[in-house]
Amino acid sequence: MSLSNRRVNVDLGSLPTHTKDLKAFMSLHKIDEVECTVCDLHGVSRGKAMPAVKFGASTPTYLPFSIFFQSITGAYINYESEDYDTETDLLLIPDLSTIRDIPWARYPSLHVIHDIHYISGEPVSCAPRNQLKHILALYKQEGWQPIVAPELEFYLTKSNVNPDVPLEPPVGRSGRQSVGRQSYSMAAIDEYEPIIEEIYEFAEAQGLTIDTIIQEGGAAQLEINMDHGDPLFLADSVFMFKRLIKEAALRHNCYATFMAKPMTNQPGSAMHIHQSVVDIDSGKNIFNDANDEPTDHFYHFIGGHQKYLEAATCILAPYVNSYRRLVPSGSAPINLEWSFDNRSAGIRVPNSSPEARRVENRIAGVDTNPYSAIAVSLATGFLGMKNAIKPRKEFVGEAYDADYGLPRGLLEALQKFDQCDELKQILGEQFSSIYLALKAHEFDEFMQVVSPWEREHLLLTV
């Protein structure tokens, strides 16, 4: 059965809002299977696939607590916890607003994002989606609603089954490989038009909105910009987009990768996060005053970024590879300077109308967990506003030439995070403790690997 003939084409306006409507909904759309997923600490989709009949019956679904203790390699870390040691069951609770078609599936199938709770009903605080909900609740208590807009950069590459072989750009429609450094080139986008069209088609089927697609600075490096909106909805969207884009690429015999730095001598891939905050009652941007001037909240939000983002870097740059992106002359920030309309700064205030005044976090890599990245970025801004933290003077000039203001590697970043009690507290003690143990374990795993650089330069030289 061809993909185009089996798509569900679900009318998002007809989505069931209550479990009692599920059976009729799935019968109407002849659904065969449902994927029940949660997001782990890496941003990886974990869960279970089940027959639609079982999902429609609202049968309770469980996953073990241990899903939060797997490193990116699949190895389990050592962690002192009774719930972990006993593989305690956690309850999956479907968020029916996230029901989406799986347009690449062979038979009519749906994907549903779930929240994860203890059997008692209490949310599992280390779960990234619950963590973001917690931060949004803190804003709501103040009468505020954050608005965000993420940007996703990624590379297309040739299929590569041997990790010892460097990645290469795929061959485009012209029969040639991209050489990069063709930012905003329409011809470069046309090279991979079949894949891009597949991405558009999949996104439409899943009700995901694309603002723009552009060619970035790297060879076969693309960027998808998303419309601004509710942080939870957009974190869900990024979570789904990453899988969607990978599937579109695979249908054309290549890979899409969200590694922060997949290729030497090519720029890294970021997930820039645009952020503003509106007053819930008035709907007005609290970063802009009656005279269309920046408010104290605006400056304090930046101040919070400058004070706490260094400690948050291990979340925004979560792997050893992430720090290969954050280097001089790498088209990525190396410090937490802030500036108006200056892309060399880690904290940028984009050119906009006063009503759309916003702060762009340019530190995050696209390899980050979208829920945790948006949560920690908003958390640092929240702490800045609550504690009235004043930012440093606006940076003038090229911030790439300024001093380093970020950790140089994962281990240093973890140490900064561990030393920041305020950040650990707002993100939750359970998350902070597990995350530190998980990433320290991954660093230890990495240190046992001998790299090609070491073989090339040390083998016969030292």
Protein backbone atom coordinates (compact mmCIF):
# COMPACT_ATOMS: atom_id res chain seq x y z
CA MET A 1 0.00 0.00 0.00
CA SER A 2 1.50 3.35 -0.98
CA LEU A 3 2.05 5.93 1.71
CA SER A 4 -0.11 8.53 -0.04
CA ASN A 5 -3.09 6.13 -0.13
CA ARG A 6 -3.09 5.12 3.53
CA ARG A 7 -2.83 8.41 5.38
CA VAL A 8 -5.50 9.07 7.95
CA ASN A 9 -5.73 12.83 7.28
CA VAL A 10 -7.26 13.38 10.68
CA ASP A 11 -9.31 16.55 11.04
CA LEU A 12 -7.62 18.05 14.09
CA GLY A 13 -10.86 19.77 14.97
CA SER A 14 -12.48 16.36 15.40
CA LEU A 15 -9.96 15.02 17.90
CA PRO A 16 -11.57 13.34 20.90
CA THR A 17 -11.28 15.36 24.08
CA HIS A 18 -12.41 12.55 26.37
CA THR A 19 -11.52 8.87 26.56
CA LYS A 20 -15.18 7.91 26.02
CA ASP A 21 -14.92 9.27 22.47
CA LEU A 22 -11.82 7.26 21.53
CA LYS A 23 -13.54 4.15 20.21
CA ALA A 24 -15.79 6.04 17.83
CA PHE A 25 -12.89 8.20 16.67
CA MET A 26 -10.65 5.25 15.85
CA SER A 27 -13.46 3.32 14.20
CA LEU A 28 -14.23 6.32 11.99
CA HIS A 29 -10.60 6.61 10.87
CA LYS A 30 -10.01 2.81 10.71
CA ILE A 31 -6.97 3.09 12.99
CA ASP A 32 -4.87 -0.07 13.20
CA GLU A 33 -2.25 0.80 15.83
CA VAL A 34 -1.46 3.50 18.41
CA GLU A 35 2.00 4.51 19.63
CA CYS A 36 1.95 5.62 23.28
CA THR A 37 5.10 7.65 23.94
CA VAL A 38 6.89 9.71 26.56
CA CYS A 39 10.04 11.78 26.26
CA ASP A 40 13.04 10.59 28.27
CA LEU A 41 15.82 12.81 29.63
CA HIS A 42 17.66 12.77 26.29
CA GLY A 43 14.61 13.73 24.26
CA VAL A 44 14.31 10.16 22.95
CA SER A 45 10.83 8.79 22.40
CA ARG A 46 10.09 5.81 24.65
CA GLY A 47 6.85 3.91 24.95
CA LYS A 48 4.67 1.11 23.64
CA ALA A 49 2.77 0.36 20.46
CA MET A 50 -0.59 -1.34 20.88
CA PRO A 51 -3.64 -2.33 18.84
CA ALA A 52 -6.10 0.52 18.46
CA VAL A 53 -8.80 -1.58 20.13
CA LYS A 54 -6.76 -1.76 23.33
CA PHE A 55 -5.99 1.97 23.33
CA GLY A 56 -9.64 2.77 22.68
CA ALA A 57 -10.62 0.73 25.72
CA SER A 58 -8.47 3.06 27.86
CA THR A 59 -6.57 0.14 29.37
CA PRO A 60 -3.90 1.46 31.80
CA THR A 61 -0.40 1.48 30.32
CA TYR A 62 2.83 1.38 32.32
CA LEU A 63 6.56 1.86 31.82
CA PRO A 64 9.32 1.17 34.38
CA PHE A 65 11.02 4.06 36.21
CA SER A 66 14.31 2.82 34.77
CA ILE A 67 13.60 4.53 31.41
CA PHE A 68 15.03 7.68 33.01
CA PHE A 69 18.29 5.96 33.96
CA GLN A 70 19.54 4.88 30.54
CA SER A 71 22.47 6.72 29.04
CA ILE A 72 22.37 7.67 25.37
CA THR A 73 24.28 4.43 24.65
CA GLY A 74 21.56 2.37 26.32
CA ALA A 75 23.64 1.49 29.38
CA TYR A 76 22.00 1.84 32.80
CA ILE A 77 23.67 4.06 35.37
CA ASN A 78 24.29 3.29 39.02
CA TYR A 79 21.83 5.27 41.11
CA GLU A 80 20.67 4.83 44.68
CA SER A 81 16.89 4.75 44.50
CA GLU A 82 14.40 2.17 45.71
CA ASP A 83 12.04 3.01 42.84
CA TYR A 84 14.88 2.45 40.38
CA ASP A 85 16.18 -0.73 42.01
CA THR A 86 12.72 -2.31 42.04
CA GLU A 87 11.82 -1.13 38.50
CA THR A 88 8.71 0.61 39.87
CA ASP A 89 5.88 0.92 37.34
CA LEU A 90 4.88 4.39 36.21
CA LEU A 91 1.46 5.17 34.73
CA LEU A 92 1.16 6.67 31.25
CA ILE A 93 -1.65 9.24 30.95
CA PRO A 94 -2.51 10.20 27.35
CA ASP A 95 -2.78 13.86 26.41
CA LEU A 96 -5.49 13.56 23.78
CA SER A 97 -4.65 16.98 22.35
CA THR A 98 -1.43 15.42 21.01
CA ILE A 99 -3.09 12.71 18.91
CA ARG A 100 -1.46 12.79 15.48
CA ASP A 101 -1.42 10.64 12.36
CA ILE A 102 1.81 8.74 11.65
CA PRO A 103 1.97 9.48 7.91
CA TRP A 104 4.98 7.22 7.25
CA ALA A 105 3.34 4.18 8.86
CA ARG A 106 2.35 1.32 6.61
CA TYR A 107 -1.17 1.08 8.04
CA PRO A 108 -3.38 3.77 9.62
CA SER A 109 -1.69 4.55 12.92
CA LEU A 110 -1.69 7.27 15.54
CA HIS A 111 0.91 8.76 17.85
CA VAL A 112 -0.11 10.06 21.29
CA ILE A 113 2.21 11.84 23.72
CA HIS A 114 1.67 10.82 27.34
CA ASP A 115 2.43 12.33 30.69
CA ILE A 116 3.95 9.96 33.19
CA HIS A 117 2.79 9.67 36.80
CA TYR A 118 3.32 7.47 39.82
CA ILE A 119 0.58 4.94 40.50
CA SER A 120 -0.61 7.32 43.24
CA GLY A 121 -1.38 9.91 40.57
CA GLU A 122 1.48 12.28 41.40
CA PRO A 123 3.44 13.51 38.36
CA VAL A 124 6.99 12.15 38.03
CA SER A 125 8.95 15.36 38.49
CA CYS A 126 12.05 14.28 36.53
CA ALA A 127 10.00 13.65 33.37
CA PRO A 128 10.85 16.52 31.00
CA ARG A 129 7.26 17.24 29.96
CA ASN A 130 6.17 17.44 33.60
CA GLN A 131 9.19 19.64 34.31
CA LEU A 132 8.14 22.15 31.64
CA LYS A 133 4.59 22.14 33.02
CA HIS A 134 6.03 22.97 36.45
CA ILE A 135 7.91 26.01 35.11
CA LEU A 136 4.82 27.20 33.24
CA ALA A 137 2.81 26.89 36.46
CA LEU A 138 5.29 29.21 38.21
CA TYR A 139 4.72 31.80 35.49
CA LYS A 140 0.95 31.37 35.77
CA GLN A 141 1.10 32.09 39.52
CA GLU A 142 2.53 35.50 38.62
CA GLY A 143 -0.19 36.12 36.03
CA TRP A 144 2.26 35.54 33.15
CA GLN A 145 2.19 33.39 30.03
CA PRO A 146 5.50 32.72 28.24
CA ILE A 147 5.55 32.69 24.45
CA VAL A 148 8.35 30.89 22.60
CA ALA A 149 9.44 30.16 19.04
CA PRO A 150 12.12 27.49 18.47
CA GLU A 151 14.32 27.22 15.39
CA LEU A 152 15.59 23.78 14.36
CA GLU A 153 18.84 23.39 12.44
CA PHE A 154 19.84 19.97 11.11
CA TYR A 155 21.98 18.28 8.49
CA LEU A 156 21.13 15.87 5.73
CA THR A 157 23.90 13.31 5.18
CA LYS A 158 24.63 10.25 3.14
CA SER A 159 23.63 6.99 4.80
CA ASN A 160 26.46 5.94 7.10
CA VAL A 161 26.54 2.53 8.78
CA ASN A 162 30.17 2.74 9.96
CA PRO A 163 30.70 5.20 12.83
CA ASP A 164 34.45 5.31 12.10
CA VAL A 165 33.78 6.88 8.69
CA PRO A 166 33.17 10.67 8.63
CA LEU A 167 29.75 11.86 7.51
CA GLU A 168 29.28 13.34 4.05
CA PRO A 169 26.53 15.49 2.51
CA PRO A 170 24.10 13.56 0.30
CA VAL A 171 24.03 13.90 -3.47
CA GLY A 172 21.40 16.41 -4.53
CA ARG A 173 19.21 16.68 -7.63
CA SER A 174 22.16 18.02 -9.64
CA GLY A 175 24.12 14.83 -8.98
CA ARG A 176 26.65 16.75 -6.86
CA GLN A 177 27.27 17.06 -3.14
CA SER A 178 26.73 20.34 -1.36
CA VAL A 179 29.91 22.16 -0.36
CA GLY A 180 28.30 24.44 2.20
CA ARG A 181 28.64 28.17 2.88
CA GLN A 182 25.51 28.84 0.82
CA SER A 183 23.34 30.48 3.49
CA TYR A 184 19.82 31.40 2.30
CA SER A 185 20.51 30.00 -1.16
CA MET A 186 17.29 28.95 -2.90
CA ALA A 187 19.28 26.79 -5.30
CA ALA A 188 20.74 24.90 -2.33
CA ILE A 189 17.22 24.21 -1.04
CA ASP A 190 16.16 23.03 -4.49
CA GLU A 191 18.94 20.42 -4.38
CA TYR A 192 16.96 18.56 -1.71
CA GLU A 193 13.45 19.50 -2.83
CA PRO A 194 12.06 15.92 -2.70
CA ILE A 195 13.00 15.59 0.97
CA ILE A 196 11.70 19.06 1.82
CA GLU A 197 8.40 18.34 0.09
CA GLU A 198 8.12 15.13 2.12
CA ILE A 199 8.74 17.14 5.31
CA TYR A 200 5.97 19.59 4.34
CA GLU A 201 3.59 16.73 3.57
CA PHE A 202 4.32 14.89 6.83
CA ALA A 203 4.03 18.12 8.83
CA GLU A 204 0.65 18.92 7.28
CA ALA A 205 -0.59 15.42 8.09
CA GLN A 206 0.46 15.89 11.73
CA GLY A 207 -0.94 19.40 12.06
CA LEU A 208 2.51 20.89 12.60
CA THR A 209 3.10 24.41 11.31
CA ILE A 210 6.28 25.45 9.52
CA ASP A 211 6.98 29.17 9.32
CA THR A 212 9.98 29.00 6.98
CA ILE A 213 12.66 26.60 5.74
CA ILE A 214 16.08 28.01 4.86
CA GLN A 215 19.49 26.79 3.79
CA GLU A 216 21.95 27.32 6.64
CA GLY A 217 25.71 27.80 6.42
CA GLY A 218 26.74 24.14 6.39
CA ALA A 219 26.73 21.60 3.57
CA ALA A 220 23.14 20.30 3.30
CA GLN A 221 22.31 22.08 6.56
CA LEU A 222 18.70 23.26 6.80
CA GLU A 223 16.74 25.28 9.34
CA ILE A 224 13.04 25.07 10.12
CA ASN A 225 11.52 28.06 11.90
CA MET A 226 8.31 27.57 13.84
CA ASP A 227 5.54 30.03 14.65
CA HIS A 228 5.59 31.49 18.17
CA GLY A 229 3.13 30.13 20.69
CA ASP A 230 2.56 28.09 23.84
CA PRO A 231 5.81 26.51 25.14
CA LEU A 232 4.30 23.08 25.85
CA PHE A 233 2.68 22.87 22.42
CA LEU A 234 5.93 23.87 20.74
CA ALA A 235 8.05 21.48 22.80
CA ASP A 236 5.64 18.71 21.72
CA SER A 237 6.01 19.94 18.14
CA VAL A 238 9.82 19.82 18.25
CA PHE A 239 9.63 16.34 19.78
CA MET A 240 7.46 15.20 16.85
CA PHE A 241 9.35 17.19 14.20
CA LYS A 242 12.66 15.48 14.92
CA ARG A 243 11.19 12.07 14.19
CA LEU A 244 9.23 13.35 11.21
CA ILE A 245 12.32 14.86 9.58
CA LYS A 246 14.36 11.69 10.14
CA GLU A 247 11.62 9.60 8.55
CA ALA A 248 11.37 11.94 5.54
CA ALA A 249 15.12 11.66 4.98
CA LEU A 250 15.11 7.86 5.27
CA ARG A 251 12.48 7.65 2.53
CA HIS A 252 15.08 9.26 0.26
CA ASN A 253 17.98 7.02 1.29
CA CYS A 254 19.79 9.54 3.47
CA TYR A 255 19.94 10.60 7.11
CA ALA A 256 18.77 13.67 8.95
CA THR A 257 20.92 14.28 12.02
CA PHE A 258 20.37 16.52 15.02
CA MET A 259 23.90 16.15 16.34
CA ALA A 260 25.22 19.54 17.42
CA LYS A 261 28.43 19.11 15.39
CA PRO A 262 28.19 16.20 12.94
CA MET A 263 30.94 17.21 10.52
CA THR A 264 34.41 18.70 10.95
CA ASN A 265 34.91 22.08 9.25
CA GLN A 266 31.16 22.67 9.08
CA PRO A 267 29.15 24.87 11.48
CA GLY A 268 27.14 23.26 14.25
CA SER A 269 23.37 23.02 14.53
CA ALA A 270 21.44 25.07 17.08
CA MET A 271 17.94 25.26 18.50
CA HIS A 272 17.62 28.98 19.12
CA ILE A 273 14.73 29.82 21.46
CA HIS A 274 12.86 33.13 21.06
CA GLN A 275 11.06 34.12 24.26
CA SER A 276 8.63 36.76 25.42
CA VAL A 277 6.10 36.92 28.24
CA VAL A 278 2.56 38.30 28.15
CA ASP A 279 0.29 39.37 30.97
CA ILE A 280 -2.53 36.81 31.12
CA ASP A 281 -5.25 39.38 31.90
CA SER A 282 -4.28 42.09 29.41
CA GLY A 283 -2.55 39.96 26.79
CA LYS A 284 0.21 42.56 26.55
CA ASN A 285 3.92 41.83 26.33
CA ILE A 286 5.46 42.56 29.75
CA PHE A 287 8.79 43.34 28.06
CA ASN A 288 7.26 46.50 26.54
CA ASP A 289 5.87 49.52 28.43
CA ALA A 290 3.18 52.09 27.53
CA ASN A 291 5.80 54.23 25.82
CA ASP A 292 7.10 51.32 23.74
CA GLU A 293 10.30 51.15 25.78
CA PRO A 294 11.89 48.04 27.33
CA THR A 295 10.63 47.29 30.84
CA ASP A 296 12.48 46.20 33.96
CA HIS A 297 11.07 42.71 33.36
CA PHE A 298 12.81 42.67 29.98
CA TYR A 299 16.18 43.61 31.42
CA HIS A 300 15.78 41.29 34.42
CA PHE A 301 14.91 38.38 32.11
CA ILE A 302 18.22 38.99 30.34
CA GLY A 303 19.94 39.34 33.73
CA GLY A 304 18.62 35.91 34.71
CA HIS A 305 20.02 34.44 31.52
CA GLN A 306 23.42 35.97 32.20
CA LYS A 307 23.50 34.73 35.78
CA TYR A 308 22.17 31.19 35.33
CA LEU A 309 22.66 30.03 31.73
CA GLU A 310 26.27 29.10 32.38
CA ALA A 311 25.03 26.57 34.94
CA ALA A 312 22.28 25.49 32.53
CA THR A 313 24.68 24.82 29.67
CA CYS A 314 24.86 21.09 30.43
CA ILE A 315 21.13 20.92 29.60
CA LEU A 316 21.32 23.14 26.51
CA ALA A 317 24.52 21.36 25.37
CA PRO A 318 23.99 17.85 26.76
CA TYR A 319 26.72 15.74 25.11
CA VAL A 320 30.48 15.80 24.69
CA ASN A 321 29.88 16.54 21.00
CA SER A 322 27.81 19.63 21.91
CA TYR A 323 30.89 21.60 22.93
CA ARG A 324 32.50 21.18 19.51
CA ARG A 325 29.85 23.64 18.32
CA LEU A 326 30.54 26.29 20.99
CA VAL A 327 33.98 27.32 19.73
CA PRO A 328 35.45 30.53 18.25
CA SER A 329 34.72 31.07 14.55
CA GLY A 330 32.11 28.33 14.68
CA SER A 331 29.06 30.54 14.01
CA ALA A 332 27.92 29.85 17.56
CA PRO A 333 28.18 31.90 20.76
CA ILE A 334 31.01 31.41 23.24
CA ASN A 335 29.71 33.67 26.01
CA LEU A 336 26.61 35.19 27.57
CA GLU A 337 26.94 38.73 26.32
CA TRP A 338 23.68 40.35 25.23
CA SER A 339 23.07 42.77 22.41
CA PHE A 340 20.37 44.20 20.15
CA ASP A 341 20.24 42.58 16.70
CA ASN A 342 23.69 41.00 17.08
CA ARG A 343 23.95 37.31 16.14
CA SER A 344 27.41 36.95 17.64
CA ALA A 345 25.96 37.38 21.14
CA GLY A 346 24.73 34.40 23.15
CA ILE A 347 21.69 36.44 24.18
CA ARG A 348 20.25 38.38 21.26
CA VAL A 349 17.38 40.85 21.14
CA PRO A 350 16.06 40.48 17.57
CA ASN A 351 14.92 43.42 15.51
CA SER A 352 11.14 43.65 16.00
CA SER A 353 8.25 45.95 16.73
CA PRO A 354 8.02 47.05 20.39
CA GLU A 355 4.95 44.83 20.91
CA ALA A 356 6.94 41.79 19.75
CA ARG A 357 10.00 42.54 21.90
CA ARG A 358 11.66 39.26 22.78
CA VAL A 359 14.89 37.61 23.94
CA GLU A 360 16.65 34.94 21.88
CA ASN A 361 18.67 32.25 23.63
CA ARG A 362 21.34 31.23 21.09
CA ILE A 363 23.22 28.80 23.37
CA ALA A 364 21.02 25.74 22.91
CA GLY A 365 22.11 23.07 20.45
CA VAL A 366 19.55 21.14 18.43
CA ASP A 367 20.70 17.98 20.24
CA THR A 368 19.03 19.20 23.43
CA ASN A 369 15.80 17.83 24.90
CA PRO A 370 13.16 20.37 23.74
CA TYR A 371 11.13 20.18 26.96
CA SER A 372 14.09 20.63 29.30
CA ALA A 373 15.73 23.26 27.08
CA ILE A 374 12.63 25.45 26.97
CA ALA A 375 12.01 24.81 30.68
CA VAL A 376 15.52 25.79 31.78
CA SER A 377 15.64 28.82 29.48
CA LEU A 378 12.33 30.10 30.86
CA ALA A 379 13.42 29.19 34.40
CA THR A 380 16.54 31.37 34.20
CA GLY A 381 14.48 34.28 32.89
CA PHE A 382 11.91 33.72 35.65
CA LEU A 383 14.61 33.80 38.34
CA GLY A 384 15.95 36.99 36.80
CA MET A 385 12.56 38.70 36.96
CA LYS A 386 11.71 37.46 40.45
CA ASN A 387 15.10 38.45 41.85
CA ALA A 388 15.37 41.70 39.84
CA ILE A 389 18.76 40.71 38.42
CA LYS A 390 20.27 43.48 36.33
CA PRO A 391 22.16 42.47 33.19
CA ARG A 392 25.62 43.63 32.31
CA LYS A 393 25.95 46.54 29.91
CA GLU A 394 24.91 45.76 26.35
CA PHE A 395 27.81 44.36 24.36
CA VAL A 396 28.89 46.37 21.34
CA GLY A 397 30.90 44.72 18.57
CA GLU A 398 31.61 41.09 17.71
CA ALA A 399 31.02 38.95 20.77
CA TYR A 400 32.93 36.07 19.16
CA ASP A 401 36.07 38.08 19.99
CA ALA A 402 35.14 38.51 23.67
CA ASP A 403 36.23 36.22 26.49
CA TYR A 404 34.77 32.77 26.94
CA GLY A 405 31.78 32.78 29.24
CA LEU A 406 30.61 29.21 28.78
CA PRO A 407 31.97 25.86 29.98
CA ARG A 408 34.52 24.37 27.58
CA GLY A 409 33.25 20.81 27.95
CA LEU A 410 30.57 18.58 29.47
CA LEU A 411 32.40 17.82 32.71
CA GLU A 412 32.96 21.52 33.49
CA ALA A 413 29.32 22.22 32.60
CA LEU A 414 28.10 19.54 35.01
CA GLN A 415 30.22 21.05 37.78
CA LYS A 416 28.69 24.48 37.14
CA PHE A 417 25.20 23.02 37.32
CA ASP A 418 25.93 21.08 40.51
CA GLN A 419 27.14 24.31 42.17
CA CYS A 420 23.97 26.27 41.32
CA ASP A 421 21.44 25.47 44.04
CA GLU A 422 18.85 27.98 42.81
CA LEU A 423 18.71 26.39 39.38
CA LYS A 424 18.62 22.84 40.73
CA GLN A 425 15.81 23.81 43.07
CA ILE A 426 13.57 25.34 40.41
CA LEU A 427 14.16 22.41 38.04
CA GLY A 428 13.54 19.89 40.80
CA GLU A 429 15.87 17.89 43.01
CA GLN A 430 14.89 14.56 41.44
CA PHE A 431 15.64 15.76 37.91
CA SER A 432 18.87 17.48 38.92
CA SER A 433 20.20 14.46 40.80
CA ILE A 434 19.41 11.95 38.05
CA TYR A 435 20.61 14.25 35.27
CA LEU A 436 23.97 14.84 36.92
CA ALA A 437 24.49 11.10 37.46
CA LEU A 438 23.38 10.29 33.91
CA LYS A 439 25.67 12.79 32.21
CA ALA A 440 28.66 11.96 34.42
CA HIS A 441 28.19 8.33 33.40
CA GLU A 442 28.12 9.31 29.71
CA PHE A 443 31.29 11.36 30.11
CA ASP A 444 33.01 8.36 31.68
CA GLU A 445 31.84 6.18 28.77
CA PHE A 446 33.21 8.68 26.26
CA MET A 447 36.59 8.82 27.99
CA GLN A 448 37.04 5.10 27.31
CA VAL A 449 36.93 5.69 23.53
CA VAL A 450 40.05 6.41 21.45
CA SER A 451 39.23 8.97 18.77
CA PRO A 452 40.49 9.24 15.16
CA TRP A 453 42.31 12.48 16.14
CA GLU A 454 44.34 10.58 18.73
CA ARG A 455 45.22 7.83 16.27
CA GLU A 456 46.18 10.34 13.58
CA HIS A 457 48.35 12.65 15.67
CA LEU A 458 49.69 10.43 18.48
CA LEU A 459 50.11 6.97 17.00
CA LEU A 460 53.55 7.54 15.42
CA THR A 461 54.40 10.98 16.75
CA VAL A 462 54.70 10.78 20.52
